[in-house]
């Protein structure tokens, strides 16, 4: 009788519907480029799903706007450039930098018109340079000028949307434009042999930062850490299978496969980390923003207050080298 009763109970339990596995949804703003590519690899390879997460990237033509929407509470996380971080009113008590997704040494470039007598960076003096306000390329103009002993006031800046820059230089409204090296193909199409490219890996190290609200870190700390673990798995996949990863990213973001593969293999480093170079760069960008009155504040920020090291340190302490 006991055996029959036990069998009956087992059958009843098996008939009950299984409890659905809980999945945590996270949204993140990203730019149109390759630097946040680990997100698409993690989605494609199921790394987020393995962690019980559903991550939704929200693509923005301009990373600045993505960070703005994150600060407005429209996303859980945001990947953005250092310049947007400096120019926007980030409250260190509400939001924090939890890592840098990737680095690129070969992006700082200026393309000029040969017929305007521009043969080297020094000959940019007195010329009009087009760029997009609030972007890393905007900051590059300053870095290029200071690197060659010029001032930003020695050139005229013409701001336009990124997609409009090729036409700006093609029409002659700008003598040169500051834009990522990944856009060089578009410029060559409109200028042909008239294009002069200045590219120097020593000018700047591009870093794509990752932000999270401190409220999210408090209430869903385990999930945020799980999300970072998935990104680390994705970066390992990119290192081991660069061409497959390039195909995944190119398809997801509708980018030319050749350009994505070139970035991954030649200049970009996917290494989720918090390095001392980030703080040093942010202090320099802050001085630039203040000196040229791009922000209302006159006192530099202490960027150590904006960092949360604890998440990455819990996963792998060697990924955090910021001195504090």
C-alpha atoms as a PDB file:
ATOM      1  CA  UNK A   1       0.000   0.000   0.000  1.00  0.00           C
ATOM      2  CA  UNK A   2       2.816   2.372   0.873  1.00  0.00           C
ATOM      3  CA  UNK A   3       4.480   1.622  -2.463  1.00  0.00           C
ATOM      4  CA  UNK A   4       1.245   2.431  -4.295  1.00  0.00           C
ATOM      5  CA  UNK A   5       0.873   5.672  -2.350  1.00  0.00           C
ATOM      6  CA  UNK A   6       4.466   6.679  -3.051  1.00  0.00           C
ATOM      7  CA  UNK A   7       4.034   5.887  -6.740  1.00  0.00           C
ATOM      8  CA  UNK A   8       0.830   7.947  -6.814  1.00  0.00           C
ATOM      9  CA  UNK A   9       2.587  10.935  -5.228  1.00  0.00           C
ATOM     10  CA  UNK A  10       5.456  10.735  -7.707  1.00  0.00           C
ATOM     11  CA  UNK A  11       3.032  10.653 -10.635  1.00  0.00           C
ATOM     12  CA  UNK A  12       1.156  13.678  -9.244  1.00  0.00           C
ATOM     13  CA  UNK A  13       4.342  15.652  -8.752  1.00  0.00           C
ATOM     14  CA  UNK A  14       5.479  14.871 -12.270  1.00  0.00           C
ATOM     15  CA  UNK A  15       2.160  16.108 -13.588  1.00  0.00           C
ATOM     16  CA  UNK A  16       2.615  19.515 -11.960  1.00  0.00           C
ATOM     17  CA  UNK A  17       3.897  22.263 -14.309  1.00  0.00           C
ATOM     18  CA  UNK A  18       7.592  23.078 -13.874  1.00  0.00           C
ATOM     19  CA  UNK A  19       8.376  26.434 -12.351  1.00  0.00           C
ATOM     20  CA  UNK A  20       9.664  28.793 -15.017  1.00  0.00           C
ATOM     21  CA  UNK A  21      13.314  29.728 -14.700  1.00  0.00           C
ATOM     22  CA  UNK A  22      13.614  33.386 -13.737  1.00  0.00           C
ATOM     23  CA  UNK A  23      15.412  35.575 -16.286  1.00  0.00           C
ATOM     24  CA  UNK A  24      16.625  39.044 -15.383  1.00  0.00           C
ATOM     25  CA  UNK A  25      16.350  41.623 -18.146  1.00  0.00           C
ATOM     26  CA  UNK A  26      18.991  44.343 -18.519  1.00  0.00           C
ATOM     27  CA  UNK A  27      19.170  47.118 -21.103  1.00  0.00           C
ATOM     28  CA  UNK A  28      22.361  48.874 -22.184  1.00  0.00           C
ATOM     29  CA  UNK A  29      22.987  51.812 -24.520  1.00  0.00           C
ATOM     30  CA  UNK A  30      25.742  51.333 -27.102  1.00  0.00           C
ATOM     31  CA  UNK A  31      27.170  53.284 -30.017  1.00  0.00           C
ATOM     32  CA  UNK A  32      27.203  52.219 -33.650  1.00  0.00           C
ATOM     33  CA  UNK A  33      30.841  51.130 -33.721  1.00  0.00           C
ATOM     34  CA  UNK A  34      32.758  47.958 -32.927  1.00  0.00           C
ATOM     35  CA  UNK A  35      34.050  48.773 -29.450  1.00  0.00           C
ATOM     36  CA  UNK A  36      31.032  47.361 -27.583  1.00  0.00           C
ATOM     37  CA  UNK A  37      31.099  44.263 -29.768  1.00  0.00           C
ATOM     38  CA  UNK A  38      31.442  41.905 -26.789  1.00  0.00           C
ATOM     39  CA  UNK A  39      27.727  42.403 -26.148  1.00  0.00           C
ATOM     40  CA  UNK A  40      26.739  40.896 -29.491  1.00  0.00           C
ATOM     41  CA  UNK A  41      29.153  38.007 -29.109  1.00  0.00           C
ATOM     42  CA  UNK A  42      27.784  37.294 -25.622  1.00  0.00           C
ATOM     43  CA  UNK A  43      24.235  37.313 -26.995  1.00  0.00           C
ATOM     44  CA  UNK A  44      25.086  35.173 -30.022  1.00  0.00           C
ATOM     45  CA  UNK A  45      27.016  32.595 -28.008  1.00  0.00           C
ATOM     46  CA  UNK A  46      24.418  32.403 -25.228  1.00  0.00           C
ATOM     47  CA  UNK A  47      26.733  33.668 -22.492  1.00  0.00           C
ATOM     48  CA  UNK A  48      24.114  36.014 -21.018  1.00  0.00           C
ATOM     49  CA  UNK A  49      21.501  33.262 -21.175  1.00  0.00           C
ATOM     50  CA  UNK A  50      23.879  30.953 -19.292  1.00  0.00           C
ATOM     51  CA  UNK A  51      23.907  33.535 -16.504  1.00  0.00           C
ATOM     52  CA  UNK A  52      20.112  33.786 -16.404  1.00  0.00           C
ATOM     53  CA  UNK A  53      20.100  37.150 -18.162  1.00  0.00           C
ATOM     54  CA  UNK A  54      18.390  38.711 -21.136  1.00  0.00           C
ATOM     55  CA  UNK A  55      20.440  41.714 -22.254  1.00  0.00           C
ATOM     56  CA  UNK A  56      19.012  44.225 -24.714  1.00  0.00           C
ATOM     57  CA  UNK A  57      21.499  46.566 -26.438  1.00  0.00           C
ATOM     58  CA  UNK A  58      20.000  49.925 -27.470  1.00  0.00           C
ATOM     59  CA  UNK A  59      21.989  51.300 -30.430  1.00  0.00           C
ATOM     60  CA  UNK A  60      22.617  55.037 -30.694  1.00  0.00           C
ATOM     61  CA  UNK A  61      24.230  56.814 -33.671  1.00  0.00           C
ATOM     62  CA  UNK A  62      26.033  58.974 -31.113  1.00  0.00           C
ATOM     63  CA  UNK A  63      27.300  57.549 -27.828  1.00  0.00           C
ATOM     64  CA  UNK A  64      26.752  60.912 -26.143  1.00  0.00           C
ATOM     65  CA  UNK A  65      22.980  60.561 -26.601  1.00  0.00           C
ATOM     66  CA  UNK A  66      23.104  57.026 -25.238  1.00  0.00           C
ATOM     67  CA  UNK A  67      24.788  58.182 -22.033  1.00  0.00           C
ATOM     68  CA  UNK A  68      22.214  60.996 -21.769  1.00  0.00           C
ATOM     69  CA  UNK A  69      19.354  58.513 -21.924  1.00  0.00           C
ATOM     70  CA  UNK A  70      21.067  56.287 -19.373  1.00  0.00           C
ATOM     71  CA  UNK A  71      21.382  59.223 -16.970  1.00  0.00           C
ATOM     72  CA  UNK A  72      17.680  59.912 -17.569  1.00  0.00           C
ATOM     73  CA  UNK A  73      16.859  56.377 -16.410  1.00  0.00           C
ATOM     74  CA  UNK A  74      16.005  54.950 -19.831  1.00  0.00           C
ATOM     75  CA  UNK A  75      18.531  52.087 -19.572  1.00  0.00           C
ATOM     76  CA  UNK A  76      20.125  49.981 -16.849  1.00  0.00           C
ATOM     77  CA  UNK A  77      23.665  50.360 -18.158  1.00  0.00           C
ATOM     78  CA  UNK A  78      25.502  52.412 -20.756  1.00  0.00           C
ATOM     79  CA  UNK A  79      28.660  52.102 -22.804  1.00  0.00           C
ATOM     80  CA  UNK A  80      29.998  55.504 -23.723  1.00  0.00           C
ATOM     81  CA  UNK A  81      33.040  57.561 -24.524  1.00  0.00           C
ATOM     82  CA  UNK A  82      35.116  59.518 -22.029  1.00  0.00           C
ATOM     83  CA  UNK A  83      34.189  62.871 -23.530  1.00  0.00           C
ATOM     84  CA  UNK A  84      30.453  62.305 -23.026  1.00  0.00           C
ATOM     85  CA  UNK A  85      31.209  61.338 -19.421  1.00  0.00           C
ATOM     86  CA  UNK A  86      33.104  64.591 -18.884  1.00  0.00           C
ATOM     87  CA  UNK A  87      30.584  66.868 -20.577  1.00  0.00           C
ATOM     88  CA  UNK A  88      27.448  65.420 -19.011  1.00  0.00           C
ATOM     89  CA  UNK A  89      26.263  66.098 -15.423  1.00  0.00           C
ATOM     90  CA  UNK A  90      27.043  62.687 -13.948  1.00  0.00           C
ATOM     91  CA  UNK A  91      26.270  62.388 -10.227  1.00  0.00           C
ATOM     92  CA  UNK A  92      28.815  60.049  -8.561  1.00  0.00           C
ATOM     93  CA  UNK A  93      26.276  59.224  -5.853  1.00  0.00           C
ATOM     94  CA  UNK A  94      23.823  57.915  -8.457  1.00  0.00           C
ATOM     95  CA  UNK A  95      25.973  56.382 -11.197  1.00  0.00           C
ATOM     96  CA  UNK A  96      29.358  54.700 -11.438  1.00  0.00           C
ATOM     97  CA  UNK A  97      31.916  53.490 -13.951  1.00  0.00           C
ATOM     98  CA  UNK A  98      32.210  49.723 -13.521  1.00  0.00           C
ATOM     99  CA  UNK A  99      34.703  48.975 -16.267  1.00  0.00           C
ATOM    100  CA  UNK A 100      36.200  49.766 -19.646  1.00  0.00           C
ATOM    101  CA  UNK A 101      34.932  47.428 -22.365  1.00  0.00           C
ATOM    102  CA  UNK A 102      37.670  47.964 -24.917  1.00  0.00           C
ATOM    103  CA  UNK A 103      40.624  50.068 -26.016  1.00  0.00           C
ATOM    104  CA  UNK A 104      41.742  51.267 -29.454  1.00  0.00           C
ATOM    105  CA  UNK A 105      45.159  52.745 -30.283  1.00  0.00           C
ATOM    106  CA  UNK A 106      44.562  53.462 -33.957  1.00  0.00           C
ATOM    107  CA  UNK A 107      41.509  55.672 -34.095  1.00  0.00           C
ATOM    108  CA  UNK A 108      42.709  59.256 -33.668  1.00  0.00           C
ATOM    109  CA  UNK A 109      42.783  60.551 -37.214  1.00  0.00           C
ATOM    110  CA  UNK A 110      42.279  63.731 -39.191  1.00  0.00           C
ATOM    111  CA  UNK A 111      41.513  63.679 -42.905  1.00  0.00           C
ATOM    112  CA  UNK A 112      42.239  66.827 -44.906  1.00  0.00           C
ATOM    113  CA  UNK A 113      41.875  68.169 -48.439  1.00  0.00           C
ATOM    114  CA  UNK A 114      45.159  68.174 -50.308  1.00  0.00           C
ATOM    115  CA  UNK A 115      43.989  71.061 -52.513  1.00  0.00           C
ATOM    116  CA  UNK A 116      43.772  73.331 -49.455  1.00  0.00           C
ATOM    117  CA  UNK A 117      47.543  73.179 -49.065  1.00  0.00           C
ATOM    118  CA  UNK A 118      47.417  70.791 -46.105  1.00  0.00           C
ATOM    119  CA  UNK A 119      50.435  68.507 -46.165  1.00  0.00           C
ATOM    120  CA  UNK A 120      51.098  67.925 -42.453  1.00  0.00           C
ATOM    121  CA  UNK A 121      49.340  68.584 -39.117  1.00  0.00           C
ATOM    122  CA  UNK A 122      51.085  71.968 -38.702  1.00  0.00           C
ATOM    123  CA  UNK A 123      49.484  73.210 -41.918  1.00  0.00           C
ATOM    124  CA  UNK A 124      46.055  72.811 -40.297  1.00  0.00           C
ATOM    125  CA  UNK A 125      46.616  76.217 -38.649  1.00  0.00           C
ATOM    126  CA  UNK A 126      43.969  78.674 -39.811  1.00  0.00           C
ATOM    127  CA  UNK A 127      41.845  75.932 -41.370  1.00  0.00           C
ATOM    128  CA  UNK A 128      38.281  74.773 -40.671  1.00  0.00           C
ATOM    129  CA  UNK A 129      38.014  71.329 -39.089  1.00  0.00           C
ATOM    130  CA  UNK A 130      34.696  69.522 -38.984  1.00  0.00           C
ATOM    131  CA  UNK A 131      33.802  67.126 -36.201  1.00  0.00           C
ATOM    132  CA  UNK A 132      30.882  65.984 -34.052  1.00  0.00           C
ATOM    133  CA  UNK A 133      30.352  67.827 -30.787  1.00  0.00           C
ATOM    134  CA  UNK A 134      30.748  65.861 -27.571  1.00  0.00           C
ATOM    135  CA  UNK A 135      32.549  62.930 -29.155  1.00  0.00           C
ATOM    136  CA  UNK A 136      35.995  61.460 -28.805  1.00  0.00           C
ATOM    137  CA  UNK A 137      36.794  62.918 -32.245  1.00  0.00           C
ATOM    138  CA  UNK A 138      35.981  66.384 -30.878  1.00  0.00           C
ATOM    139  CA  UNK A 139      38.600  65.817 -28.181  1.00  0.00           C
ATOM    140  CA  UNK A 140      41.085  64.562 -30.773  1.00  0.00           C
ATOM    141  CA  UNK A 141      41.261  68.026 -32.345  1.00  0.00           C
ATOM    142  CA  UNK A 142      42.595  69.324 -29.040  1.00  0.00           C
ATOM    143  CA  UNK A 143      45.034  66.403 -28.719  1.00  0.00           C
ATOM    144  CA  UNK A 144      46.313  66.882 -32.278  1.00  0.00           C
ATOM    145  CA  UNK A 145      46.770  70.629 -31.806  1.00  0.00           C
ATOM    146  CA  UNK A 146      48.595  70.362 -28.475  1.00  0.00           C
ATOM    147  CA  UNK A 147      50.739  67.503 -29.784  1.00  0.00           C
ATOM    148  CA  UNK A 148      52.052  69.788 -32.538  1.00  0.00           C
ATOM    149  CA  UNK A 149      52.315  72.961 -30.460  1.00  0.00           C
ATOM    150  CA  UNK A 150      49.120  74.565 -31.752  1.00  0.00           C
ATOM    151  CA  UNK A 151      46.034  75.802 -29.927  1.00  0.00           C
ATOM    152  CA  UNK A 152      42.424  74.940 -30.640  1.00  0.00           C
ATOM    153  CA  UNK A 153      41.901  78.659 -31.280  1.00  0.00           C
ATOM    154  CA  UNK A 154      44.322  78.303 -34.217  1.00  0.00           C
ATOM    155  CA  UNK A 155      41.606  76.434 -36.131  1.00  0.00           C
ATOM    156  CA  UNK A 156      37.901  76.942 -36.677  1.00  0.00           C
ATOM    157  CA  UNK A 157      35.644  74.094 -35.555  1.00  0.00           C
ATOM    158  CA  UNK A 158      32.557  73.233 -37.584  1.00  0.00           C
ATOM    159  CA  UNK A 159      30.183  70.836 -35.811  1.00  0.00           C
ATOM    160  CA  UNK A 160      27.991  68.378 -37.703  1.00  0.00           C
ATOM    161  CA  UNK A 161      26.467  64.959 -37.293  1.00  0.00           C
ATOM    162  CA  UNK A 162      28.856  62.093 -37.962  1.00  0.00           C
ATOM    163  CA  UNK A 163      26.990  61.021 -41.100  1.00  0.00           C
ATOM    164  CA  UNK A 164      27.249  64.559 -42.477  1.00  0.00           C
ATOM    165  CA  UNK A 165      31.023  64.896 -42.140  1.00  0.00           C
ATOM    166  CA  UNK A 166      31.954  63.283 -45.495  1.00  0.00           C
ATOM    167  CA  UNK A 167      29.707  65.763 -47.306  1.00  0.00           C
ATOM    168  CA  UNK A 168      31.069  68.627 -45.197  1.00  0.00           C
ATOM    169  CA  UNK A 169      34.605  68.037 -46.440  1.00  0.00           C
ATOM    170  CA  UNK A 170      33.532  67.024 -49.945  1.00  0.00           C
ATOM    171  CA  UNK A 171      31.651  70.318 -50.403  1.00  0.00           C
ATOM    172  CA  UNK A 172      34.633  72.329 -49.167  1.00  0.00           C
ATOM    173  CA  UNK A 173      32.800  73.737 -46.135  1.00  0.00           C
ATOM    174  CA  UNK A 174      35.539  72.123 -44.065  1.00  0.00           C
ATOM    175  CA  UNK A 175      39.214  71.860 -44.941  1.00  0.00           C
ATOM    176  CA  UNK A 176      39.604  68.766 -42.769  1.00  0.00           C
ATOM    177  CA  UNK A 177      37.549  66.550 -40.504  1.00  0.00           C
ATOM    178  CA  UNK A 178      38.306  64.666 -37.308  1.00  0.00           C
ATOM    179  CA  UNK A 179      36.678  61.266 -37.506  1.00  0.00           C
ATOM    180  CA  UNK A 180      37.519  57.668 -36.613  1.00  0.00           C
ATOM    181  CA  UNK A 181      39.923  55.751 -38.845  1.00  0.00           C
ATOM    182  CA  UNK A 182      37.111  53.247 -39.420  1.00  0.00           C
ATOM    183  CA  UNK A 183      35.316  55.943 -41.462  1.00  0.00           C
ATOM    184  CA  UNK A 184      38.289  56.566 -43.735  1.00  0.00           C
ATOM    185  CA  UNK A 185      36.821  54.480 -46.558  1.00  0.00           C
ATOM    186  CA  UNK A 186      33.824  56.817 -46.833  1.00  0.00           C
ATOM    187  CA  UNK A 187      36.083  59.865 -47.057  1.00  0.00           C
ATOM    188  CA  UNK A 188      38.271  58.324 -49.723  1.00  0.00           C
ATOM    189  CA  UNK A 189      35.188  57.644 -51.827  1.00  0.00           C
ATOM    190  CA  UNK A 190      34.194  61.309 -51.885  1.00  0.00           C
ATOM    191  CA  UNK A 191      37.698  62.834 -52.065  1.00  0.00           C
ATOM    192  CA  UNK A 192      39.728  60.231 -53.925  1.00  0.00           C
ATOM    193  CA  UNK A 193      43.370  61.241 -54.341  1.00  0.00           C
ATOM    194  CA  UNK A 194      42.581  64.621 -52.815  1.00  0.00           C
ATOM    195  CA  UNK A 195      42.401  63.033 -49.336  1.00  0.00           C
ATOM    196  CA  UNK A 196      45.329  63.381 -46.922  1.00  0.00           C
ATOM    197  CA  UNK A 197      45.179  61.180 -43.835  1.00  0.00           C
ATOM    198  CA  UNK A 198      46.950  61.970 -40.561  1.00  0.00           C
ATOM    199  CA  UNK A 199      46.890  59.046 -38.169  1.00  0.00           C
ATOM    200  CA  UNK A 200      49.045  58.627 -35.047  1.00  0.00           C
ATOM    201  CA  UNK A 201      48.570  55.907 -32.434  1.00  0.00           C
ATOM    202  CA  UNK A 202      50.398  58.098 -29.906  1.00  0.00           C
ATOM    203  CA  UNK A 203      47.746  60.833 -29.971  1.00  0.00           C
ATOM    204  CA  UNK A 204      45.122  59.069 -27.881  1.00  0.00           C
ATOM    205  CA  UNK A 205      44.000  55.733 -26.483  1.00  0.00           C
ATOM    206  CA  UNK A 206      40.286  55.413 -27.081  1.00  0.00           C
ATOM    207  CA  UNK A 207      38.469  53.796 -24.166  1.00  0.00           C
ATOM    208  CA  UNK A 208      34.813  52.757 -24.156  1.00  0.00           C
ATOM    209  CA  UNK A 209      33.505  52.948 -20.606  1.00  0.00           C
ATOM    210  CA  UNK A 210      30.695  50.991 -18.975  1.00  0.00           C
ATOM    211  CA  UNK A 211      28.338  52.749 -16.546  1.00  0.00           C
ATOM    212  CA  UNK A 212      25.752  51.378 -14.135  1.00  0.00           C
ATOM    213  CA  UNK A 213      23.448  53.089 -11.669  1.00  0.00           C
ATOM    214  CA  UNK A 214      24.415  52.599  -8.048  1.00  0.00           C
ATOM    215  CA  UNK A 215      20.798  51.608  -7.377  1.00  0.00           C
ATOM    216  CA  UNK A 216      21.143  48.738  -9.870  1.00  0.00           C
ATOM    217  CA  UNK A 217      24.418  47.704  -8.233  1.00  0.00           C
ATOM    218  CA  UNK A 218      22.732  47.671  -4.816  1.00  0.00           C
ATOM    219  CA  UNK A 219      19.561  45.843  -5.813  1.00  0.00           C
ATOM    220  CA  UNK A 220      20.888  43.499  -8.509  1.00  0.00           C
ATOM    221  CA  UNK A 221      24.556  43.157  -7.679  1.00  0.00           C
ATOM    222  CA  UNK A 222      24.704  39.434  -8.470  1.00  0.00           C
ATOM    223  CA  UNK A 223      23.087  40.025 -11.854  1.00  0.00           C
ATOM    224  CA  UNK A 224      25.460  42.877 -12.750  1.00  0.00           C
ATOM    225  CA  UNK A 225      28.434  40.685 -11.852  1.00  0.00           C
ATOM    226  CA  UNK A 226      26.959  37.835 -13.911  1.00  0.00           C
ATOM    227  CA  UNK A 227      26.638  40.242 -16.830  1.00  0.00           C
ATOM    228  CA  UNK A 228      30.339  41.147 -16.485  1.00  0.00           C
ATOM    229  CA  UNK A 229      31.280  37.452 -16.410  1.00  0.00           C
ATOM    230  CA  UNK A 230      29.429  36.948 -19.685  1.00  0.00           C
ATOM    231  CA  UNK A 231      31.282  39.872 -21.267  1.00  0.00           C
ATOM    232  CA  UNK A 232      34.610  38.388 -20.171  1.00  0.00           C
ATOM    233  CA  UNK A 233      33.660  35.094 -21.832  1.00  0.00           C
ATOM    234  CA  UNK A 234      32.778  37.075 -24.956  1.00  0.00           C
ATOM    235  CA  UNK A 235      36.131  38.859 -25.033  1.00  0.00           C
ATOM    236  CA  UNK A 236      37.863  35.481 -24.734  1.00  0.00           C
ATOM    237  CA  UNK A 237      35.848  34.297 -27.745  1.00  0.00           C
ATOM    238  CA  UNK A 238      36.924  37.403 -29.680  1.00  0.00           C
ATOM    239  CA  UNK A 239      40.583  36.684 -28.862  1.00  0.00           C
ATOM    240  CA  UNK A 240      40.314  33.020 -29.879  1.00  0.00           C
ATOM    241  CA  UNK A 241      38.001  33.429 -32.905  1.00  0.00           C
ATOM    242  CA  UNK A 242      38.542  36.972 -34.240  1.00  0.00           C
ATOM    243  CA  UNK A 243      37.063  36.361 -37.692  1.00  0.00           C
ATOM    244  CA  UNK A 244      33.979  34.590 -36.374  1.00  0.00           C
ATOM    245  CA  UNK A 245      33.530  37.357 -33.833  1.00  0.00           C
ATOM    246  CA  UNK A 246      33.892  39.975 -36.573  1.00  0.00           C
ATOM    247  CA  UNK A 247      31.151  38.269 -38.569  1.00  0.00           C
ATOM    248  CA  UNK A 248      28.841  38.244 -35.536  1.00  0.00           C
ATOM    249  CA  UNK A 249      29.411  41.939 -34.814  1.00  0.00           C
ATOM    250  CA  UNK A 250      29.226  43.014 -38.468  1.00  0.00           C
ATOM    251  CA  UNK A 251      25.910  41.216 -38.959  1.00  0.00           C
ATOM    252  CA  UNK A 252      24.389  42.506 -35.720  1.00  0.00           C
ATOM    253  CA  UNK A 253      25.372  46.118 -36.339  1.00  0.00           C
ATOM    254  CA  UNK A 254      25.118  46.182 -40.134  1.00  0.00           C
ATOM    255  CA  UNK A 255      28.770  47.114 -40.565  1.00  0.00           C
ATOM    256  CA  UNK A 256      31.187  46.101 -43.352  1.00  0.00           C
ATOM    257  CA  UNK A 257      32.820  42.821 -42.330  1.00  0.00           C
ATOM    258  CA  UNK A 258      36.215  43.932 -43.637  1.00  0.00           C
ATOM    259  CA  UNK A 259      36.176  47.062 -41.437  1.00  0.00           C
ATOM    260  CA  UNK A 260      35.131  45.150 -38.322  1.00  0.00           C
ATOM    261  CA  UNK A 261      37.767  42.468 -38.891  1.00  0.00           C
ATOM    262  CA  UNK A 262      40.447  45.125 -39.388  1.00  0.00           C
ATOM    263  CA  UNK A 263      39.529  46.849 -36.126  1.00  0.00           C
ATOM    264  CA  UNK A 264      39.509  43.614 -34.151  1.00  0.00           C
ATOM    265  CA  UNK A 265      42.768  42.312 -35.603  1.00  0.00           C
ATOM    266  CA  UNK A 266      44.796  45.511 -35.917  1.00  0.00           C
ATOM    267  CA  UNK A 267      43.896  48.045 -33.262  1.00  0.00           C
ATOM    268  CA  UNK A 268      41.173  47.169 -30.750  1.00  0.00           C
ATOM    269  CA  UNK A 269      41.769  45.325 -27.490  1.00  0.00           C
ATOM    270  CA  UNK A 270      38.790  43.785 -25.725  1.00  0.00           C
ATOM    271  CA  UNK A 271      39.786  43.636 -22.085  1.00  0.00           C
ATOM    272  CA  UNK A 272      37.158  44.439 -19.477  1.00  0.00           C
ATOM    273  CA  UNK A 273      39.171  46.310 -16.873  1.00  0.00           C
ATOM    274  CA  UNK A 274      39.737  49.483 -14.861  1.00  0.00           C
ATOM    275  CA  UNK A 275      43.222  50.827 -15.524  1.00  0.00           C
ATOM    276  CA  UNK A 276      45.078  53.807 -14.104  1.00  0.00           C
ATOM    277  CA  UNK A 277      45.193  55.293 -17.607  1.00  0.00           C
ATOM    278  CA  UNK A 278      41.441  55.885 -17.404  1.00  0.00           C
ATOM    279  CA  UNK A 279      41.758  58.259 -14.440  1.00  0.00           C
ATOM    280  CA  UNK A 280      44.715  60.054 -16.055  1.00  0.00           C
ATOM    281  CA  UNK A 281      42.796  60.498 -19.307  1.00  0.00           C
ATOM    282  CA  UNK A 282      39.649  61.702 -17.550  1.00  0.00           C
ATOM    283  CA  UNK A 283      41.614  64.365 -15.668  1.00  0.00           C
ATOM    284  CA  UNK A 284      43.076  65.646 -18.961  1.00  0.00           C
ATOM    285  CA  UNK A 285      39.677  65.628 -20.685  1.00  0.00           C
ATOM    286  CA  UNK A 286      38.193  67.464 -17.709  1.00  0.00           C
ATOM    287  CA  UNK A 287      40.795  70.225 -17.974  1.00  0.00           C
ATOM    288  CA  UNK A 288      40.081  70.539 -21.709  1.00  0.00           C
ATOM    289  CA  UNK A 289      36.319  70.767 -21.104  1.00  0.00           C
ATOM    290  CA  UNK A 290      36.781  73.425 -18.412  1.00  0.00           C
ATOM    291  CA  UNK A 291      39.430  75.468 -20.259  1.00  0.00           C
ATOM    292  CA  UNK A 292      37.300  75.688 -23.411  1.00  0.00           C
ATOM    293  CA  UNK A 293      34.104  76.321 -21.405  1.00  0.00           C
ATOM    294  CA  UNK A 294      32.376  73.213 -22.699  1.00  0.00           C
ATOM    295  CA  UNK A 295      31.010  72.691 -19.169  1.00  0.00           C
ATOM    296  CA  UNK A 296      29.733  75.144 -16.551  1.00  0.00           C
ATOM    297  CA  UNK A 297      31.877  73.845 -13.698  1.00  0.00           C
ATOM    298  CA  UNK A 298      35.242  75.421 -12.988  1.00  0.00           C
ATOM    299  CA  UNK A 299      36.523  72.880 -10.483  1.00  0.00           C
ATOM    300  CA  UNK A 300      37.875  69.574 -11.846  1.00  0.00           C
ATOM    301  CA  UNK A 301      36.162  66.392 -10.771  1.00  0.00           C
ATOM    302  CA  UNK A 302      37.799  63.731  -8.635  1.00  0.00           C
ATOM    303  CA  UNK A 303      37.160  60.780 -10.937  1.00  0.00           C
ATOM    304  CA  UNK A 304      38.051  58.247  -8.268  1.00  0.00           C
ATOM    305  CA  UNK A 305      34.663  59.117  -6.758  1.00  0.00           C
ATOM    306  CA  UNK A 306      32.991  57.914  -9.949  1.00  0.00           C
ATOM    307  CA  UNK A 307      34.453  54.400  -9.957  1.00  0.00           C
ATOM    308  CA  UNK A 308      33.092  51.176  -8.520  1.00  0.00           C
ATOM    309  CA  UNK A 309      35.981  48.717  -8.449  1.00  0.00           C
ATOM    310  CA  UNK A 310      34.270  46.094  -6.320  1.00  0.00           C
ATOM    311  CA  UNK A 311      32.383  44.291  -9.100  1.00  0.00           C
ATOM    312  CA  UNK A 312      35.397  43.535 -11.291  1.00  0.00           C
ATOM    313  CA  UNK A 313      37.583  42.843  -8.266  1.00  0.00           C
ATOM    314  CA  UNK A 314      35.126  40.172  -7.153  1.00  0.00           C
ATOM    315  CA  UNK A 315      35.578  38.419 -10.495  1.00  0.00           C
ATOM    316  CA  UNK A 316      39.293  39.009 -11.110  1.00  0.00           C
ATOM    317  CA  UNK A 317      41.334  41.520  -9.021  1.00  0.00           C
ATOM    318  CA  UNK A 318      44.057  41.644 -11.692  1.00  0.00           C
ATOM    319  CA  UNK A 319      41.654  43.497 -13.979  1.00  0.00           C
ATOM    320  CA  UNK A 320      41.707  46.544 -11.673  1.00  0.00           C
ATOM    321  CA  UNK A 321      44.948  48.543 -11.564  1.00  0.00           C
ATOM    322  CA  UNK A 322      43.655  51.984 -10.556  1.00  0.00           C
ATOM    323  CA  UNK A 323      45.680  53.456  -7.669  1.00  0.00           C
ATOM    324  CA  UNK A 324      43.568  54.700  -4.778  1.00  0.00           C
END
